[in-house]
Amino acid sequence: MGFYGSNILIKRKDNMTKENDKMFFVIRKDKWPAGNIKYTIMKDKPFTLTDATRMLLAYEQINDDKDHTYHLNSVDEYLEAPKETLVLTKDMEVN
């Protein structure tokens, strides 16, 4: 019984590790009276889930305003450097 419980704990730990490996931006959403919405990345680099959550909570405590909210946004693969280089051939030339 203890071994079975250990397996569950190990699996949960592995899943948590994968979530913590992801990087997140802390985004500020500003709602303006005219109905416009502005999004701002709060720092110039992404953070781990733990650090980003701490920052989000700190920002929310400092700014208690319903027109300014904070969100976490995952850094997706499209923001990372491309893994393959596209090589153009003569067939792909634009005339």
N, C-alpha and C. Protein backbone atom coordinates (compact mmCIF):
# COMPACT_ATOMS: atom_id res chain seq x y z
N MET A 1 0.83 -1.19 0.00
CA MET A 1 0.00 0.00 0.00
C MET A 1 0.87 1.25 0.00
N GLY A 2 1.95 1.26 0.78
CA GLY A 2 2.84 2.41 0.80
C GLY A 2 3.53 2.61 -0.54
N PHE A 3 3.84 1.50 -1.24
CA PHE A 3 4.49 1.61 -2.54
C PHE A 3 3.55 2.24 -3.56
N TYR A 4 2.28 1.86 -3.54
CA TYR A 4 1.30 2.43 -4.46
C TYR A 4 1.16 3.94 -4.23
N GLY A 5 1.10 4.34 -2.97
CA GLY A 5 1.02 5.76 -2.66
C GLY A 5 2.26 6.51 -3.12
N SER A 6 3.42 5.88 -3.04
CA SER A 6 4.66 6.51 -3.50
C SER A 6 4.63 6.73 -5.00
N ASN A 7 4.07 5.79 -5.77
CA ASN A 7 3.98 5.96 -7.22
C ASN A 7 3.12 7.17 -7.57
N ILE A 8 2.03 7.33 -6.89
CA ILE A 8 1.16 8.48 -7.15
C ILE A 8 1.90 9.76 -6.83
N LEU A 9 2.61 9.79 -5.73
CA LEU A 9 3.36 10.98 -5.35
C LEU A 9 4.43 11.30 -6.39
N ILE A 10 5.11 10.28 -6.90
CA ILE A 10 6.14 10.50 -7.92
C ILE A 10 5.52 11.03 -9.19
N LYS A 11 4.39 10.48 -9.62
CA LYS A 11 3.73 10.96 -10.84
C LYS A 11 3.28 12.40 -10.68
N ARG A 12 2.72 12.75 -9.54
CA ARG A 12 2.29 14.13 -9.32
C ARG A 12 3.49 15.06 -9.33
N LYS A 13 4.59 14.62 -8.75
CA LYS A 13 5.79 15.45 -8.72
C LYS A 13 6.31 15.68 -10.14
N ASP A 14 6.29 14.63 -10.99
CA ASP A 14 6.73 14.76 -12.38
C ASP A 14 5.86 15.75 -13.13
N ASN A 15 4.55 15.68 -12.95
CA ASN A 15 3.66 16.61 -13.63
C ASN A 15 3.89 18.04 -13.14
N MET A 16 4.12 18.21 -11.86
CA MET A 16 4.37 19.54 -11.32
C MET A 16 5.69 20.09 -11.86
N THR A 17 6.68 19.22 -12.02
CA THR A 17 7.97 19.66 -12.56
C THR A 17 7.80 20.15 -13.99
N LYS A 18 7.00 19.44 -14.79
CA LYS A 18 6.76 19.86 -16.17
C LYS A 18 6.06 21.21 -16.21
N GLU A 19 5.09 21.42 -15.32
CA GLU A 19 4.41 22.72 -15.26
C GLU A 19 5.37 23.82 -14.85
N ASN A 20 6.28 23.53 -13.92
CA ASN A 20 7.22 24.54 -13.46
C ASN A 20 8.30 24.84 -14.49
N ASP A 21 8.50 23.95 -15.46
CA ASP A 21 9.48 24.20 -16.51
C ASP A 21 8.96 25.22 -17.52
N LYS A 22 7.66 25.39 -17.60
CA LYS A 22 7.09 26.35 -18.53
C LYS A 22 7.41 27.76 -18.05
N MET A 23 7.47 28.68 -18.99
CA MET A 23 7.77 30.07 -18.67
C MET A 23 6.53 30.92 -18.91
N PHE A 24 6.37 31.97 -18.09
CA PHE A 24 5.18 32.80 -18.16
C PHE A 24 5.56 34.28 -18.11
N PHE A 25 4.76 35.08 -18.81
CA PHE A 25 4.83 36.53 -18.69
C PHE A 25 3.73 36.98 -17.74
N VAL A 26 3.97 38.02 -16.97
CA VAL A 26 2.92 38.66 -16.19
C VAL A 26 2.41 39.82 -17.04
N ILE A 27 1.12 39.77 -17.36
CA ILE A 27 0.50 40.75 -18.24
C ILE A 27 -0.43 41.65 -17.43
N ARG A 28 -0.32 42.96 -17.65
CA ARG A 28 -1.26 43.91 -17.04
C ARG A 28 -2.29 44.30 -18.09
N LYS A 29 -3.56 44.21 -17.71
CA LYS A 29 -4.66 44.59 -18.60
C LYS A 29 -5.30 45.86 -18.04
N ASP A 30 -5.23 46.93 -18.83
CA ASP A 30 -5.80 48.21 -18.43
C ASP A 30 -7.08 48.47 -19.23
N LYS A 31 -8.18 48.72 -18.53
CA LYS A 31 -9.44 49.10 -19.17
C LYS A 31 -9.61 50.61 -19.03
N TRP A 32 -9.77 51.29 -20.16
CA TRP A 32 -9.93 52.74 -20.16
C TRP A 32 -11.39 53.11 -20.28
N PRO A 33 -11.79 54.29 -19.77
CA PRO A 33 -13.20 54.70 -19.79
C PRO A 33 -13.82 54.71 -21.19
N ALA A 34 -13.03 54.97 -22.22
CA ALA A 34 -13.57 55.00 -23.58
C ALA A 34 -13.82 53.61 -24.13
N GLY A 35 -13.52 52.58 -23.37
CA GLY A 35 -13.73 51.21 -23.81
C GLY A 35 -12.49 50.55 -24.38
N ASN A 36 -11.41 51.28 -24.49
CA ASN A 36 -10.17 50.71 -25.01
C ASN A 36 -9.51 49.82 -23.96
N ILE A 37 -8.80 48.83 -24.44
CA ILE A 37 -8.07 47.92 -23.55
C ILE A 37 -6.61 47.92 -23.99
N LYS A 38 -5.71 48.00 -23.02
CA LYS A 38 -4.27 47.99 -23.29
C LYS A 38 -3.65 46.85 -22.49
N TYR A 39 -2.77 46.08 -23.14
CA TYR A 39 -2.05 45.00 -22.49
C TYR A 39 -0.57 45.37 -22.40
N THR A 40 0.05 45.13 -21.25
CA THR A 40 1.45 45.46 -21.04
C THR A 40 2.15 44.27 -20.39
N ILE A 41 3.30 43.87 -20.94
CA ILE A 41 4.12 42.85 -20.29
C ILE A 41 4.90 43.55 -19.19
N MET A 42 4.77 43.07 -17.97
CA MET A 42 5.30 43.79 -16.82
C MET A 42 6.83 43.74 -16.71
N LYS A 43 7.46 42.68 -17.14
CA LYS A 43 8.92 42.58 -17.12
C LYS A 43 9.38 42.17 -18.51
N ASP A 44 10.65 42.38 -18.80
CA ASP A 44 11.15 42.09 -20.13
C ASP A 44 11.60 40.65 -20.33
N LYS A 45 11.31 39.79 -19.38
CA LYS A 45 11.68 38.38 -19.51
C LYS A 45 10.60 37.50 -18.88
N PRO A 46 10.48 36.25 -19.33
CA PRO A 46 9.51 35.34 -18.73
C PRO A 46 10.05 34.74 -17.43
N PHE A 47 9.11 34.21 -16.62
CA PHE A 47 9.45 33.63 -15.33
C PHE A 47 8.85 32.24 -15.21
N THR A 48 9.38 31.46 -14.27
CA THR A 48 8.78 30.17 -13.97
C THR A 48 7.39 30.39 -13.39
N LEU A 49 6.60 29.34 -13.34
CA LEU A 49 5.24 29.46 -12.81
C LEU A 49 5.25 29.98 -11.38
N THR A 50 6.15 29.49 -10.56
CA THR A 50 6.22 29.91 -9.16
C THR A 50 6.56 31.39 -9.04
N ASP A 51 7.60 31.82 -9.76
CA ASP A 51 8.00 33.23 -9.68
C ASP A 51 6.94 34.15 -10.29
N ALA A 52 6.35 33.73 -11.41
CA ALA A 52 5.33 34.56 -12.06
C ALA A 52 4.09 34.69 -11.16
N THR A 53 3.73 33.62 -10.47
CA THR A 53 2.58 33.67 -9.56
C THR A 53 2.86 34.61 -8.39
N ARG A 54 4.07 34.56 -7.87
CA ARG A 54 4.44 35.47 -6.77
C ARG A 54 4.35 36.93 -7.23
N MET A 55 4.86 37.19 -8.43
CA MET A 55 4.81 38.55 -8.95
C MET A 55 3.37 39.00 -9.18
N LEU A 56 2.55 38.11 -9.73
CA LEU A 56 1.15 38.43 -9.98
C LEU A 56 0.45 38.80 -8.68
N LEU A 57 0.66 38.02 -7.63
CA LEU A 57 0.03 38.31 -6.34
C LEU A 57 0.53 39.63 -5.76
N ALA A 58 1.81 39.90 -5.91
CA ALA A 58 2.36 41.17 -5.41
C ALA A 58 1.75 42.35 -6.16
N TYR A 59 1.66 42.26 -7.49
CA TYR A 59 1.06 43.34 -8.28
C TYR A 59 -0.41 43.56 -7.89
N GLU A 60 -1.14 42.46 -7.67
CA GLU A 60 -2.55 42.58 -7.30
C GLU A 60 -2.72 43.23 -5.94
N GLN A 61 -1.81 42.96 -5.01
CA GLN A 61 -1.90 43.57 -3.68
C GLN A 61 -1.56 45.05 -3.73
N ILE A 62 -0.61 45.43 -4.57
CA ILE A 62 -0.22 46.84 -4.68
C ILE A 62 -1.32 47.65 -5.37
N ASN A 63 -1.88 47.11 -6.46
CA ASN A 63 -2.89 47.81 -7.26
C ASN A 63 -4.25 47.18 -7.03
N ASP A 64 -5.02 47.73 -6.16
CA ASP A 64 -6.37 47.23 -5.89
C ASP A 64 -7.36 48.06 -6.69
N ASP A 65 -7.31 47.89 -8.01
CA ASP A 65 -8.14 48.69 -8.92
C ASP A 65 -8.78 47.74 -9.93
N LYS A 66 -10.09 47.79 -10.08
CA LYS A 66 -10.78 46.87 -10.98
C LYS A 66 -10.48 47.16 -12.45
N ASP A 67 -9.98 48.36 -12.77
CA ASP A 67 -9.65 48.68 -14.15
C ASP A 67 -8.26 48.21 -14.55
N HIS A 68 -7.47 47.75 -13.60
CA HIS A 68 -6.13 47.22 -13.88
C HIS A 68 -6.06 45.83 -13.28
N THR A 69 -6.00 44.81 -14.13
CA THR A 69 -5.93 43.43 -13.67
C THR A 69 -4.65 42.79 -14.20
N TYR A 70 -4.23 41.71 -13.56
CA TYR A 70 -2.99 41.03 -13.92
C TYR A 70 -3.28 39.59 -14.26
N HIS A 71 -2.55 39.09 -15.25
CA HIS A 71 -2.78 37.74 -15.75
C HIS A 71 -1.45 37.09 -16.08
N LEU A 72 -1.44 35.75 -16.10
CA LEU A 72 -0.26 35.01 -16.54
C LEU A 72 -0.50 34.52 -17.96
N ASN A 73 0.52 34.66 -18.79
CA ASN A 73 0.43 34.19 -20.17
C ASN A 73 1.63 33.29 -20.43
N SER A 74 1.36 32.07 -20.85
CA SER A 74 2.42 31.10 -21.13
C SER A 74 3.21 31.52 -22.36
N VAL A 75 4.50 31.34 -22.30
CA VAL A 75 5.35 31.63 -23.46
C VAL A 75 5.24 30.41 -24.38
N ASP A 76 4.63 30.61 -25.52
CA ASP A 76 4.39 29.50 -26.44
C ASP A 76 5.59 29.26 -27.35
N GLU A 77 5.54 28.16 -28.06
CA GLU A 77 6.64 27.82 -28.96
C GLU A 77 6.82 28.86 -30.06
N TYR A 78 5.77 29.54 -30.45
CA TYR A 78 5.92 30.51 -31.53
C TYR A 78 6.75 31.72 -31.10
N LEU A 79 6.97 31.89 -29.82
CA LEU A 79 7.82 32.98 -29.33
C LEU A 79 9.28 32.56 -29.22
N GLU A 80 9.54 31.26 -29.30
CA GLU A 80 10.91 30.77 -29.19
C GLU A 80 11.60 30.84 -30.55
N ALA A 81 12.91 30.74 -30.55
CA ALA A 81 13.68 30.76 -31.79
C ALA A 81 13.32 29.55 -32.66
N PRO A 82 13.26 29.74 -33.96
CA PRO A 82 12.92 28.61 -34.84
C PRO A 82 13.98 27.52 -34.76
N LYS A 83 13.54 26.29 -34.86
CA LYS A 83 14.45 25.16 -34.74
C LYS A 83 15.04 24.77 -36.10
N GLU A 84 14.34 25.06 -37.17
CA GLU A 84 14.81 24.72 -38.51
C GLU A 84 14.89 25.97 -39.36
N THR A 85 15.84 25.98 -40.26
CA THR A 85 16.00 27.09 -41.18
C THR A 85 15.36 26.72 -42.51
N LEU A 86 14.59 27.61 -43.09
CA LEU A 86 13.96 27.38 -44.37
C LEU A 86 14.93 27.79 -45.46
N VAL A 87 15.22 26.85 -46.36
CA VAL A 87 16.12 27.11 -47.47
C VAL A 87 15.28 27.31 -48.71
N LEU A 88 15.42 28.48 -49.35
CA LEU A 88 14.67 28.76 -50.56
C LEU A 88 15.37 28.15 -51.77
N THR A 89 14.58 27.61 -52.67
CA THR A 89 15.10 27.07 -53.92
C THR A 89 14.62 27.93 -55.07
N LYS A 90 15.10 27.64 -56.27
CA LYS A 90 14.70 28.41 -57.45
C LYS A 90 13.20 28.29 -57.69
N ASP A 91 12.61 27.15 -57.35
CA ASP A 91 11.17 26.94 -57.53
C ASP A 91 10.36 27.88 -56.66
N MET A 92 10.93 28.36 -55.57
CA MET A 92 10.19 29.21 -54.62
C MET A 92 10.38 30.69 -54.91
N GLU A 93 11.15 31.08 -55.88
CA GLU A 93 11.40 32.49 -56.17
C GLU A 93 10.12 33.19 -56.58
N VAL A 94 10.01 34.44 -56.16
CA VAL A 94 8.86 35.27 -56.50
C VAL A 94 9.26 36.13 -57.71
N ASN A 95 8.42 36.10 -58.75
CA ASN A 95 8.72 36.88 -59.97
C ASN A 95 8.09 38.24 -59.91
